[in-house]
Amino acid sequence: MTEARARATAGWSYGAPYDIYDHPSWERMKEERWGLTDPAVRELEFVALLDDDDALAGFLRFMPRGLHPSVGLGLRPDLCGRGLGARALEQLEQEAVRRWGSVTLELSVRTFNE
């Protein structure tokens, strides 16, 4: 995940009830110390998901905390609801295997999130 790709998430805005995932401006993200804005955290925890044109389609996040690594994923707002979740989870699984081999992952999903 390059800084340019991380910056591309600035301003991502989702409709309710998904607006809890909105990204503010890059400057505000930096002020609030979002992981995406820290080069060391980006390198360690984030992976860019790219579309067929190599544009940022979303990201994966691997947080090695606790007993099992915690994972997260985010899709660009205009791509949500298009059935790409399975493809994103496939890439998440491949990256987890590359990083740790066989491992149990923890994924938290809000109950309203389809």
PDB file of N, CA and C in Angstrom:
ATOM      1  N   MET A   1       0.853  -1.177   0.000  1.00  0.00           N
ATOM      2  CA  MET A   1       0.000   0.000   0.000  1.00  0.00           C
ATOM      3  C   MET A   1       0.897   1.237   0.000  1.00  0.00           C
ATOM      4  N   THR A   2       0.923   1.927  -1.101  1.00  0.00           N
ATOM      5  CA  THR A   2       1.729   3.138  -1.211  1.00  0.00           C
ATOM      6  C   THR A   2       0.998   4.310  -0.555  1.00  0.00           C
ATOM      7  N   GLU A   3       1.741   5.394  -0.311  1.00  0.00           N
ATOM      8  CA  GLU A   3       1.080   6.579   0.240  1.00  0.00           C
ATOM      9  C   GLU A   3       0.047   7.121  -0.738  1.00  0.00           C
ATOM     10  N   ALA A   4       0.352   7.096  -2.017  1.00  0.00           N
ATOM     11  CA  ALA A   4      -0.599   7.597  -3.019  1.00  0.00           C
ATOM     12  C   ALA A   4      -1.899   6.801  -2.967  1.00  0.00           C
ATOM     13  N   ARG A   5      -1.795   5.497  -2.824  1.00  0.00           N
ATOM     14  CA  ARG A   5      -3.013   4.672  -2.736  1.00  0.00           C
ATOM     15  C   ARG A   5      -3.736   4.932  -1.418  1.00  0.00           C
ATOM     16  N   ALA A   6      -2.989   5.081  -0.338  1.00  0.00           N
ATOM     17  CA  ALA A   6      -3.610   5.387   0.946  1.00  0.00           C
ATOM     18  C   ALA A   6      -4.338   6.724   0.876  1.00  0.00           C
ATOM     19  N   ARG A   7      -3.710   7.707   0.245  1.00  0.00           N
ATOM     20  CA  ARG A   7      -4.347   9.019   0.091  1.00  0.00           C
ATOM     21  C   ARG A   7      -5.643   8.923  -0.718  1.00  0.00           C
ATOM     22  N   ALA A   8      -5.701   7.970  -1.633  1.00  0.00           N
ATOM     23  CA  ALA A   8      -6.901   7.812  -2.464  1.00  0.00           C
ATOM     24  C   ALA A   8      -8.128   7.432  -1.632  1.00  0.00           C
ATOM     25  N   THR A   9      -7.909   6.916  -0.422  1.00  0.00           N
ATOM     26  CA  THR A   9      -9.046   6.564   0.436  1.00  0.00           C
ATOM     27  C   THR A   9      -9.626   7.786   1.135  1.00  0.00           C
ATOM     28  N   ALA A  10      -8.858   8.882   1.174  1.00  0.00           N
ATOM     29  CA  ALA A  10      -9.323  10.102   1.832  1.00  0.00           C
ATOM     30  C   ALA A  10     -10.595  10.594   1.155  1.00  0.00           C
ATOM     31  N   GLY A  11     -11.594  10.820   1.955  1.00  0.00           N
ATOM     32  CA  GLY A  11     -12.859  11.285   1.420  1.00  0.00           C
ATOM     33  C   GLY A  11     -13.813  10.176   1.002  1.00  0.00           C
ATOM     34  N   TRP A  12     -13.398   8.912   1.149  1.00  0.00           N
ATOM     35  CA  TRP A  12     -14.339   7.840   0.838  1.00  0.00           C
ATOM     36  C   TRP A  12     -15.572   8.022   1.717  1.00  0.00           C
ATOM     37  N   SER A  13     -16.731   7.980   1.101  1.00  0.00           N
ATOM     38  CA  SER A  13     -17.975   8.240   1.818  1.00  0.00           C
ATOM     39  C   SER A  13     -19.018   7.200   1.447  1.00  0.00           C
ATOM     40  N   TYR A  14     -19.581   6.561   2.456  1.00  0.00           N
ATOM     41  CA  TYR A  14     -20.577   5.515   2.278  1.00  0.00           C
ATOM     42  C   TYR A  14     -21.923   6.025   2.763  1.00  0.00           C
ATOM     43  N   GLY A  15     -22.993   5.509   2.207  1.00  0.00           N
ATOM     44  CA  GLY A  15     -24.324   5.861   2.683  1.00  0.00           C
ATOM     45  C   GLY A  15     -24.628   5.168   4.002  1.00  0.00           C
ATOM     46  N   ALA A  16     -25.590   5.718   4.724  1.00  0.00           N
ATOM     47  CA  ALA A  16     -26.020   5.117   5.998  1.00  0.00           C
ATOM     48  C   ALA A  16     -26.537   3.703   5.736  1.00  0.00           C
ATOM     49  N   PRO A  17     -26.332   2.774   6.618  1.00  0.00           N
ATOM     50  CA  PRO A  17     -25.673   2.880   7.914  1.00  0.00           C
ATOM     51  C   PRO A  17     -24.157   2.666   7.825  1.00  0.00           C
ATOM     52  N   TYR A  18     -23.636   2.557   6.613  1.00  0.00           N
ATOM     53  CA  TYR A  18     -22.216   2.265   6.429  1.00  0.00           C
ATOM     54  C   TYR A  18     -21.320   3.493   6.589  1.00  0.00           C
ATOM     55  N   ASP A  19     -21.915   4.637   6.841  1.00  0.00           N
ATOM     56  CA  ASP A  19     -21.132   5.863   6.969  1.00  0.00           C
ATOM     57  C   ASP A  19     -20.168   5.831   8.159  1.00  0.00           C
ATOM     58  N   ILE A  20     -20.300   4.833   9.012  1.00  0.00           N
ATOM     59  CA  ILE A  20     -19.329   4.645  10.097  1.00  0.00           C
ATOM     60  C   ILE A  20     -17.939   4.345   9.528  1.00  0.00           C
ATOM     61  N   TYR A  21     -17.884   3.893   8.272  1.00  0.00           N
ATOM     62  CA  TYR A  21     -16.623   3.573   7.608  1.00  0.00           C
ATOM     63  C   TYR A  21     -16.064   4.736   6.789  1.00  0.00           C
ATOM     64  N   ASP A  22     -16.722   5.887   6.795  1.00  0.00           N
ATOM     65  CA  ASP A  22     -16.256   7.033   6.005  1.00  0.00           C
ATOM     66  C   ASP A  22     -14.828   7.415   6.386  1.00  0.00           C
ATOM     67  N   HIS A  23     -14.081   7.849   5.401  1.00  0.00           N
ATOM     68  CA  HIS A  23     -12.725   8.349   5.620  1.00  0.00           C
ATOM     69  C   HIS A  23     -12.747   9.868   5.475  1.00  0.00           C
ATOM     70  N   PRO A  24     -12.183  10.570   6.437  1.00  0.00           N
ATOM     71  CA  PRO A  24     -12.105  12.028   6.302  1.00  0.00           C
ATOM     72  C   PRO A  24     -10.984  12.423   5.341  1.00  0.00           C
ATOM     73  N   SER A  25     -10.688  13.698   5.302  1.00  0.00           N
ATOM     74  CA  SER A  25      -9.593  14.180   4.458  1.00  0.00           C
ATOM     75  C   SER A  25      -8.269  13.568   4.938  1.00  0.00           C
ATOM     76  N   TRP A  26      -7.272  13.582   4.061  1.00  0.00           N
ATOM     77  CA  TRP A  26      -5.949  13.054   4.405  1.00  0.00           C
ATOM     78  C   TRP A  26      -5.357  13.816   5.588  1.00  0.00           C
ATOM     79  N   GLU A  27      -5.520  15.133   5.586  1.00  0.00           N
ATOM     80  CA  GLU A  27      -4.979  15.947   6.673  1.00  0.00           C
ATOM     81  C   GLU A  27      -5.602  15.538   8.010  1.00  0.00           C
ATOM     82  N   ARG A  28      -6.904  15.339   8.011  1.00  0.00           N
ATOM     83  CA  ARG A  28      -7.569  14.931   9.255  1.00  0.00           C
ATOM     84  C   ARG A  28      -7.147  13.519   9.664  1.00  0.00           C
ATOM     85  N   MET A  29      -7.017  12.628   8.693  1.00  0.00           N
ATOM     86  CA  MET A  29      -6.552  11.275   8.993  1.00  0.00           C
ATOM     87  C   MET A  29      -5.170  11.331   9.644  1.00  0.00           C
ATOM     88  N   LYS A  30      -4.301  12.205   9.128  1.00  0.00           N
ATOM     89  CA  LYS A  30      -2.962  12.360   9.718  1.00  0.00           C
ATOM     90  C   LYS A  30      -3.049  12.922  11.134  1.00  0.00           C
ATOM     91  N   GLU A  31      -3.883  13.933  11.330  1.00  0.00           N
ATOM     92  CA  GLU A  31      -4.058  14.519  12.662  1.00  0.00           C
ATOM     93  C   GLU A  31      -4.554  13.487  13.669  1.00  0.00           C
ATOM     94  N   GLU A  32      -5.462  12.613  13.207  1.00  0.00           N
ATOM     95  CA  GLU A  32      -6.048  11.595  14.075  1.00  0.00           C
ATOM     96  C   GLU A  32      -5.204  10.320  14.126  1.00  0.00           C
ATOM     97  N   ARG A  33      -4.074  10.347  13.429  1.00  0.00           N
ATOM     98  CA  ARG A  33      -3.111   9.241  13.429  1.00  0.00           C
ATOM     99  C   ARG A  33      -3.700   7.911  12.957  1.00  0.00           C
ATOM    100  N   TRP A  34      -4.408   7.971  11.855  1.00  0.00           N
ATOM    101  CA  TRP A  34      -4.912   6.748  11.246  1.00  0.00           C
ATOM    102  C   TRP A  34      -3.717   5.923  10.783  1.00  0.00           C
ATOM    103  N   GLY A  35      -3.832   4.596  10.886  1.00  0.00           N
ATOM    104  CA  GLY A  35      -2.762   3.707  10.458  1.00  0.00           C
ATOM    105  C   GLY A  35      -2.356   3.902   9.011  1.00  0.00           C
ATOM    106  N   LEU A  36      -3.303   4.214   8.151  1.00  0.00           N
ATOM    107  CA  LEU A  36      -3.004   4.425   6.743  1.00  0.00           C
ATOM    108  C   LEU A  36      -2.010   5.556   6.512  1.00  0.00           C
ATOM    109  N   THR A  37      -1.938   6.501   7.424  1.00  0.00           N
ATOM    110  CA  THR A  37      -1.062   7.653   7.226  1.00  0.00           C
ATOM    111  C   THR A  37       0.358   7.424   7.729  1.00  0.00           C
ATOM    112  N   ASP A  38       0.590   6.336   8.427  1.00  0.00           N
ATOM    113  CA  ASP A  38       1.908   6.039   8.994  1.00  0.00           C
ATOM    114  C   ASP A  38       2.625   5.043   8.083  1.00  0.00           C
ATOM    115  N   PRO A  39       3.740   5.442   7.459  1.00  0.00           N
ATOM    116  CA  PRO A  39       4.435   4.552   6.526  1.00  0.00           C
ATOM    117  C   PRO A  39       4.790   3.187   7.119  1.00  0.00           C
ATOM    118  N   ALA A  40       5.220   3.146   8.367  1.00  0.00           N
ATOM    119  CA  ALA A  40       5.598   1.871   8.987  1.00  0.00           C
ATOM    120  C   ALA A  40       4.376   0.976   9.179  1.00  0.00           C
ATOM    121  N   VAL A  41       3.273   1.542   9.611  1.00  0.00           N
ATOM    122  CA  VAL A  41       2.040   0.762   9.798  1.00  0.00           C
ATOM    123  C   VAL A  41       1.512   0.301   8.446  1.00  0.00           C
ATOM    124  N   ARG A  42       1.542   1.197   7.463  1.00  0.00           N
ATOM    125  CA  ARG A  42       1.078   0.828   6.116  1.00  0.00           C
ATOM    126  C   ARG A  42       1.847  -0.369   5.587  1.00  0.00           C
ATOM    127  N   GLU A  43       3.163  -0.330   5.738  1.00  0.00           N
ATOM    128  CA  GLU A  43       3.995  -1.420   5.212  1.00  0.00           C
ATOM    129  C   GLU A  43       3.724  -2.731   5.935  1.00  0.00           C
ATOM    130  N   LEU A  44       3.535  -2.660   7.233  1.00  0.00           N
ATOM    131  CA  LEU A  44       3.339  -3.854   8.048  1.00  0.00           C
ATOM    132  C   LEU A  44       1.922  -4.423   7.953  1.00  0.00           C
ATOM    133  N   GLU A  45       0.914  -3.556   7.900  1.00  0.00           N
ATOM    134  CA  GLU A  45      -0.468  -4.014   8.084  1.00  0.00           C
ATOM    135  C   GLU A  45      -1.375  -3.925   6.863  1.00  0.00           C
ATOM    136  N   PHE A  46      -1.062  -3.110   5.869  1.00  0.00           N
ATOM    137  CA  PHE A  46      -2.001  -2.856   4.773  1.00  0.00           C
ATOM    138  C   PHE A  46      -1.560  -3.463   3.451  1.00  0.00           C
ATOM    139  N   VAL A  47      -2.544  -3.920   2.690  1.00  0.00           N
ATOM    140  CA  VAL A  47      -2.334  -4.436   1.336  1.00  0.00           C
ATOM    141  C   VAL A  47      -3.400  -3.790   0.452  1.00  0.00           C
ATOM    142  N   ALA A  48      -2.981  -3.258  -0.677  1.00  0.00           N
ATOM    143  CA  ALA A  48      -3.917  -2.637  -1.613  1.00  0.00           C
ATOM    144  C   ALA A  48      -4.624  -3.706  -2.431  1.00  0.00           C
ATOM    145  N   LEU A  49      -5.924  -3.528  -2.618  1.00  0.00           N
ATOM    146  CA  LEU A  49      -6.697  -4.342  -3.550  1.00  0.00           C
ATOM    147  C   LEU A  49      -6.855  -3.507  -4.815  1.00  0.00           C
ATOM    148  N   LEU A  50      -6.436  -4.058  -5.948  1.00  0.00           N
ATOM    149  CA  LEU A  50      -6.467  -3.311  -7.198  1.00  0.00           C
ATOM    150  C   LEU A  50      -7.499  -3.885  -8.150  1.00  0.00           C
ATOM    151  N   ASP A  51      -8.097  -3.019  -8.961  1.00  0.00           N
ATOM    152  CA  ASP A  51      -9.037  -3.497  -9.970  1.00  0.00           C
ATOM    153  C   ASP A  51      -8.265  -3.889 -11.226  1.00  0.00           C
ATOM    154  N   ASP A  52      -8.973  -4.245 -12.270  1.00  0.00           N
ATOM    155  CA  ASP A  52      -8.329  -4.708 -13.501  1.00  0.00           C
ATOM    156  C   ASP A  52      -7.483  -3.625 -14.167  1.00  0.00           C
ATOM    157  N   ASP A  53      -7.724  -2.353 -13.827  1.00  0.00           N
ATOM    158  CA  ASP A  53      -6.956  -1.239 -14.385  1.00  0.00           C
ATOM    159  C   ASP A  53      -5.864  -0.758 -13.433  1.00  0.00           C
ATOM    160  N   ASP A  54      -5.567  -1.553 -12.389  1.00  0.00           N
ATOM    161  CA  ASP A  54      -4.572  -1.206 -11.363  1.00  0.00           C
ATOM    162  C   ASP A  54      -4.948   0.026 -10.546  1.00  0.00           C
ATOM    163  N   ALA A  55      -6.222   0.368 -10.519  1.00  0.00           N
ATOM    164  CA  ALA A  55      -6.703   1.448  -9.651  1.00  0.00           C
ATOM    165  C   ALA A  55      -7.062   0.839  -8.298  1.00  0.00           C
ATOM    166  N   LEU A  56      -6.972   1.637  -7.244  1.00  0.00           N
ATOM    167  CA  LEU A  56      -7.296   1.147  -5.907  1.00  0.00           C
ATOM    168  C   LEU A  56      -8.775   0.788  -5.812  1.00  0.00           C
ATOM    169  N   ALA A  57      -9.048  -0.475  -5.516  1.00  0.00           N
ATOM    170  CA  ALA A  57     -10.420  -0.950  -5.349  1.00  0.00           C
ATOM    171  C   ALA A  57     -10.764  -1.102  -3.873  1.00  0.00           C
ATOM    172  N   GLY A  58      -9.751  -1.192  -3.029  1.00  0.00           N
ATOM    173  CA  GLY A  58      -9.969  -1.365  -1.600  1.00  0.00           C
ATOM    174  C   GLY A  58      -8.664  -1.729  -0.930  1.00  0.00           C
ATOM    175  N   PHE A  59      -8.772  -2.198   0.283  1.00  0.00           N
ATOM    176  CA  PHE A  59      -7.573  -2.566   1.029  1.00  0.00           C
ATOM    177  C   PHE A  59      -7.876  -3.679   2.012  1.00  0.00           C
ATOM    178  N   LEU A  60      -6.822  -4.384   2.379  1.00  0.00           N
ATOM    179  CA  LEU A  60      -6.855  -5.383   3.438  1.00  0.00           C
ATOM    180  C   LEU A  60      -5.988  -4.847   4.563  1.00  0.00           C
ATOM    181  N   ARG A  61      -6.359  -5.194   5.792  1.00  0.00           N
ATOM    182  CA  ARG A  61      -5.521  -4.806   6.933  1.00  0.00           C
ATOM    183  C   ARG A  61      -5.317  -6.022   7.821  1.00  0.00           C
ATOM    184  N   PHE A  62      -4.065  -6.276   8.158  1.00  0.00           N
ATOM    185  CA  PHE A  62      -3.684  -7.386   9.018  1.00  0.00           C
ATOM    186  C   PHE A  62      -3.082  -6.818  10.292  1.00  0.00           C
ATOM    187  N   MET A  63      -3.743  -7.041  11.414  1.00  0.00           N
ATOM    188  CA  MET A  63      -3.288  -6.487  12.688  1.00  0.00           C
ATOM    189  C   MET A  63      -2.893  -7.638  13.605  1.00  0.00           C
ATOM    190  N   PRO A  64      -1.578  -7.867  13.759  1.00  0.00           N
ATOM    191  CA  PRO A  64      -1.105  -8.993  14.570  1.00  0.00           C
ATOM    192  C   PRO A  64      -1.252  -8.695  16.068  1.00  0.00           C
ATOM    193  N   ARG A  65      -2.491  -8.814  16.563  1.00  0.00           N
ATOM    194  CA  ARG A  65      -2.774  -8.523  17.967  1.00  0.00           C
ATOM    195  C   ARG A  65      -3.447  -9.722  18.612  1.00  0.00           C
ATOM    196  N   GLY A  66      -3.122  -9.964  19.848  1.00  0.00           N
ATOM    197  CA  GLY A  66      -3.783 -11.027  20.586  1.00  0.00           C
ATOM    198  C   GLY A  66      -3.409 -12.410  20.096  1.00  0.00           C
ATOM    199  N   LEU A  67      -4.275 -13.372  20.399  1.00  0.00           N
ATOM    200  CA  LEU A  67      -4.037 -14.770  20.069  1.00  0.00           C
ATOM    201  C   LEU A  67      -4.057 -15.019  18.562  1.00  0.00           C
ATOM    202  N   HIS A  68      -5.001 -14.371  17.864  1.00  0.00           N
ATOM    203  CA  HIS A  68      -5.145 -14.548  16.417  1.00  0.00           C
ATOM    204  C   HIS A  68      -5.034 -13.192  15.728  1.00  0.00           C
ATOM    205  N   PRO A  69      -4.361 -13.139  14.585  1.00  0.00           N
ATOM    206  CA  PRO A  69      -4.314 -11.870  13.859  1.00  0.00           C
ATOM    207  C   PRO A  69      -5.730 -11.407  13.520  1.00  0.00           C
ATOM    208  N   SER A  70      -5.959 -10.126  13.709  1.00  0.00           N
ATOM    209  CA  SER A  70      -7.235  -9.521  13.364  1.00  0.00           C
ATOM    210  C   SER A  70      -7.120  -8.962  11.951  1.00  0.00           C
ATOM    211  N   VAL A  71      -8.152  -9.131  11.165  1.00  0.00           N
ATOM    212  CA  VAL A  71      -8.121  -8.670   9.783  1.00  0.00           C
ATOM    213  C   VAL A  71      -9.311  -7.771   9.507  1.00  0.00           C
ATOM    214  N   GLY A  72      -9.132  -6.914   8.544  1.00  0.00           N
ATOM    215  CA  GLY A  72     -10.208  -6.045   8.096  1.00  0.00           C
ATOM    216  C   GLY A  72     -10.085  -5.821   6.616  1.00  0.00           C
ATOM    217  N   LEU A  73     -11.164  -5.369   6.021  1.00  0.00           N
ATOM    218  CA  LEU A  73     -11.111  -5.043   4.603  1.00  0.00           C
ATOM    219  C   LEU A  73     -12.051  -3.898   4.328  1.00  0.00           C
ATOM    220  N   GLY A  74     -11.695  -3.123   3.350  1.00  0.00           N
ATOM    221  CA  GLY A  74     -12.529  -2.008   2.928  1.00  0.00           C
ATOM    222  C   GLY A  74     -12.553  -1.938   1.421  1.00  0.00           C
ATOM    223  N   LEU A  75     -13.731  -1.710   0.872  1.00  0.00           N
ATOM    224  CA  LEU A  75     -13.875  -1.539  -0.571  1.00  0.00           C
ATOM    225  C   LEU A  75     -14.197  -0.089  -0.877  1.00  0.00           C
ATOM    226  N   ARG A  76     -13.750   0.372  -2.015  1.00  0.00           N
ATOM    227  CA  ARG A  76     -14.104   1.707  -2.479  1.00  0.00           C
ATOM    228  C   ARG A  76     -15.630   1.797  -2.512  1.00  0.00           C
ATOM    229  N   PRO A  77     -16.206   2.879  -2.038  1.00  0.00           N
ATOM    230  CA  PRO A  77     -17.662   2.967  -1.905  1.00  0.00           C
ATOM    231  C   PRO A  77     -18.455   2.617  -3.164  1.00  0.00           C
ATOM    232  N   ASP A  78     -17.984   3.017  -4.337  1.00  0.00           N
ATOM    233  CA  ASP A  78     -18.732   2.733  -5.564  1.00  0.00           C
ATOM    234  C   ASP A  78     -18.690   1.263  -5.952  1.00  0.00           C
ATOM    235  N   LEU A  79     -17.851   0.466  -5.279  1.00  0.00           N
ATOM    236  CA  LEU A  79     -17.764  -0.961  -5.578  1.00  0.00           C
ATOM    237  C   LEU A  79     -18.562  -1.816  -4.593  1.00  0.00           C
ATOM    238  N   CYS A  80     -19.059  -1.211  -3.532  1.00  0.00           N
ATOM    239  CA  CYS A  80     -19.827  -1.961  -2.529  1.00  0.00           C
ATOM    240  C   CYS A  80     -21.151  -2.446  -3.124  1.00  0.00           C
ATOM    241  N   GLY A  81     -21.568  -3.626  -2.684  1.00  0.00           N
ATOM    242  CA  GLY A  81     -22.839  -4.186  -3.146  1.00  0.00           C
ATOM    243  C   GLY A  81     -22.776  -4.809  -4.517  1.00  0.00           C
ATOM    244  N   ARG A  82     -21.589  -5.038  -5.039  1.00  0.00           N
ATOM    245  CA  ARG A  82     -21.435  -5.619  -6.380  1.00  0.00           C
ATOM    246  C   ARG A  82     -20.943  -7.055  -6.346  1.00  0.00           C
ATOM    247  N   GLY A  83     -21.005  -7.674  -5.185  1.00  0.00           N
ATOM    248  CA  GLY A  83     -20.612  -9.076  -5.077  1.00  0.00           C
ATOM    249  C   GLY A  83     -19.118  -9.313  -5.075  1.00  0.00           C
ATOM    250  N   LEU A  84     -18.329  -8.329  -4.674  1.00  0.00           N
ATOM    251  CA  LEU A  84     -16.869  -8.465  -4.682  1.00  0.00           C
ATOM    252  C   LEU A  84     -16.309  -8.976  -3.361  1.00  0.00           C
ATOM    253  N   GLY A  85     -17.153  -9.149  -2.360  1.00  0.00           N
ATOM    254  CA  GLY A  85     -16.702  -9.583  -1.046  1.00  0.00           C
ATOM    255  C   GLY A  85     -15.968 -10.910  -1.077  1.00  0.00           C
ATOM    256  N   ALA A  86     -16.489 -11.877  -1.816  1.00  0.00           N
ATOM    257  CA  ALA A  86     -15.854 -13.194  -1.881  1.00  0.00           C
ATOM    258  C   ALA A  86     -14.458 -13.091  -2.487  1.00  0.00           C
ATOM    259  N   ARG A  87     -14.305 -12.279  -3.522  1.00  0.00           N
ATOM    260  CA  ARG A  87     -12.996 -12.084  -4.160  1.00  0.00           C
ATOM    261  C   ARG A  87     -12.024 -11.420  -3.187  1.00  0.00           C
ATOM    262  N   ALA A  88     -12.514 -10.432  -2.434  1.00  0.00           N
ATOM    263  CA  ALA A  88     -11.666  -9.755  -1.453  1.00  0.00           C
ATOM    264  C   ALA A  88     -11.243 -10.720  -0.354  1.00  0.00           C
ATOM    265  N   LEU A  89     -12.164 -11.561   0.108  1.00  0.00           N
ATOM    266  CA  LEU A  89     -11.831 -12.540   1.146  1.00  0.00           C
ATOM    267  C   LEU A  89     -10.840 -13.569   0.638  1.00  0.00           C
ATOM    268  N   GLU A  90     -10.937 -13.925  -0.639  1.00  0.00           N
ATOM    269  CA  GLU A  90      -9.969 -14.842  -1.250  1.00  0.00           C
ATOM    270  C   GLU A  90      -8.559 -14.238  -1.203  1.00  0.00           C
ATOM    271  N   GLN A  91      -8.459 -12.972  -1.556  1.00  0.00           N
ATOM    272  CA  GLN A  91      -7.159 -12.303  -1.521  1.00  0.00           C
ATOM    273  C   GLN A  91      -6.663 -12.165  -0.085  1.00  0.00           C
ATOM    274  N   LEU A  92      -7.574 -11.923   0.837  1.00  0.00           N
ATOM    275  CA  LEU A  92      -7.218 -11.839   2.247  1.00  0.00           C
ATOM    276  C   LEU A  92      -6.638 -13.173   2.715  1.00  0.00           C
ATOM    277  N   GLU A  93      -7.295 -14.263   2.341  1.00  0.00           N
ATOM    278  CA  GLU A  93      -6.818 -15.590   2.732  1.00  0.00           C
ATOM    279  C   GLU A  93      -5.440 -15.878   2.133  1.00  0.00           C
ATOM    280  N   GLN A  94      -5.251 -15.557   0.866  1.00  0.00           N
ATOM    281  CA  GLN A  94      -3.959 -15.787   0.211  1.00  0.00           C
ATOM    282  C   GLN A  94      -2.845 -15.000   0.892  1.00  0.00           C
ATOM    283  N   GLU A  95      -3.125 -13.747   1.258  1.00  0.00           N
ATOM    284  CA  GLU A  95      -2.112 -12.921   1.911  1.00  0.00           C
ATOM    285  C   GLU A  95      -1.813 -13.444   3.312  1.00  0.00           C
ATOM    286  N   ALA A  96      -2.836 -13.895   4.033  1.00  0.00           N
ATOM    287  CA  ALA A  96      -2.625 -14.449   5.378  1.00  0.00           C
ATOM    288  C   ALA A  96      -1.755 -15.696   5.312  1.00  0.00           C
ATOM    289  N   VAL A  97      -2.006 -16.563   4.342  1.00  0.00           N
ATOM    290  CA  VAL A  97      -1.193 -17.777   4.181  1.00  0.00           C
ATOM    291  C   VAL A  97       0.242 -17.393   3.831  1.00  0.00           C
ATOM    292  N   ARG A  98       0.414 -16.393   2.965  1.00  0.00           N
ATOM    293  CA  ARG A  98       1.755 -15.941   2.611  1.00  0.00           C
ATOM    294  C   ARG A  98       2.500 -15.427   3.849  1.00  0.00           C
ATOM    295  N   ARG A  99       1.790 -14.713   4.715  1.00  0.00           N
ATOM    296  CA  ARG A  99       2.426 -14.124   5.900  1.00  0.00           C
ATOM    297  C   ARG A  99       2.687 -15.138   7.009  1.00  0.00           C
ATOM    298  N   TRP A 100       1.702 -16.013   7.279  1.00  0.00           N
ATOM    299  CA  TRP A 100       1.786 -16.855   8.469  1.00  0.00           C
ATOM    300  C   TRP A 100       1.616 -18.350   8.227  1.00  0.00           C
ATOM    301  N   GLY A 101       1.339 -18.761   7.009  1.00  0.00           N
ATOM    302  CA  GLY A 101       1.034 -20.169   6.779  1.00  0.00           C
ATOM    303  C   GLY A 101      -0.372 -20.455   7.297  1.00  0.00           C
ATOM    304  N   SER A 102      -0.527 -21.572   7.941  1.00  0.00           N
ATOM    305  CA  SER A 102      -1.830 -21.930   8.494  1.00  0.00           C
ATOM    306  C   SER A 102      -2.054 -21.162   9.796  1.00  0.00           C
ATOM    307  N   VAL A 103      -3.090 -20.353   9.821  1.00  0.00           N
ATOM    308  CA  VAL A 103      -3.356 -19.525  10.995  1.00  0.00           C
ATOM    309  C   VAL A 103      -4.863 -19.264  11.106  1.00  0.00           C
ATOM    310  N   THR A 104      -5.332 -19.121  12.314  1.00  0.00           N
ATOM    311  CA  THR A 104      -6.707 -18.705  12.546  1.00  0.00           C
ATOM    312  C   THR A 104      -6.744 -17.188  12.557  1.00  0.00           C
ATOM    313  N   LEU A 105      -7.680 -16.609  11.821  1.00  0.00           N
ATOM    314  CA  LEU A 105      -7.819 -15.162  11.754  1.00  0.00           C
ATOM    315  C   LEU A 105      -9.085 -14.734  12.474  1.00  0.00           C
ATOM    316  N   GLU A 106      -9.093 -13.505  12.939  1.00  0.00           N
ATOM    317  CA  GLU A 106     -10.263 -12.932  13.567  1.00  0.00           C
ATOM    318  C   GLU A 106     -10.784 -11.794  12.692  1.00  0.00           C
ATOM    319  N   LEU A 107     -12.040 -11.899  12.301  1.00  0.00           N
ATOM    320  CA  LEU A 107     -12.688 -10.864  11.497  1.00  0.00           C
ATOM    321  C   LEU A 107     -13.944 -10.442  12.232  1.00  0.00           C
ATOM    322  N   SER A 108     -14.025  -9.179  12.583  1.00  0.00           N
ATOM    323  CA  SER A 108     -15.219  -8.639  13.214  1.00  0.00           C
ATOM    324  C   SER A 108     -16.056  -7.932  12.160  1.00  0.00           C
ATOM    325  N   VAL A 109     -17.335  -8.251  12.123  1.00  0.00           N
ATOM    326  CA  VAL A 109     -18.241  -7.640  11.140  1.00  0.00           C
ATOM    327  C   VAL A 109     -19.464  -7.139  11.895  1.00  0.00           C
ATOM    328  N   ARG A 110     -19.833  -5.904  11.634  1.00  0.00           N
ATOM    329  CA  ARG A 110     -21.025  -5.332  12.275  1.00  0.00           C
ATOM    330  C   ARG A 110     -22.264  -6.071  11.765  1.00  0.00           C
ATOM    331  N   THR A 111     -23.242  -6.245  12.636  1.00  0.00           N
ATOM    332  CA  THR A 111     -24.419  -7.048  12.294  1.00  0.00           C
ATOM    333  C   THR A 111     -25.193  -6.500  11.107  1.00  0.00           C
ATOM    334  N   PHE A 112     -25.174  -5.189  10.888  1.00  0.00           N
ATOM    335  CA  PHE A 112     -25.920  -4.595   9.769  1.00  0.00           C
ATOM    336  C   PHE A 112     -25.185  -4.709   8.450  1.00  0.00           C
ATOM    337  N   ASN A 113     -23.914  -5.103   8.485  1.00  0.00           N
ATOM    338  CA  ASN A 113     -23.094  -5.118   7.287  1.00  0.00           C
ATOM    339  C   ASN A 113     -23.414  -6.341   6.439  1.00  0.00           C
ATOM    340  N   GLU A 114     -23.933  -6.086   5.266  1.00  0.00           N
ATOM    341  CA  GLU A 114     -24.269  -7.176   4.349  1.00  0.00           C
ATOM    342  C   GLU A 114     -23.102  -7.508   3.460  1.00  0.00           C
TER     343      GLU A 114
END
